[in-house]
Amino acid sequence: HTDSLSATIHATITDGVAIGHPCCGVHNCHTPLTFTHNHFCSQHQDLNAVCAVTGCHLKA
């Protein structure tokens, strides 16, 4: 039963380490990660040396 006063919710508990499917940090890249702790796939590993702030292209 859902109305303007009540709704059903589902809680999720995680360890805070990983949520969702690990994927490359480059938008729409479908190359799998070598290890789940990587931020980029093998094709985009060079981006680890670039600042992570959007719009900044300085070295990390």
Foldseek 3Di string as FASTA:
>chain_A
DDDPPDDDDDDDDDPPPDDDDQAAQDPPDPARAPDSVDNHHPVPVVCQQADPPPPGGDGD
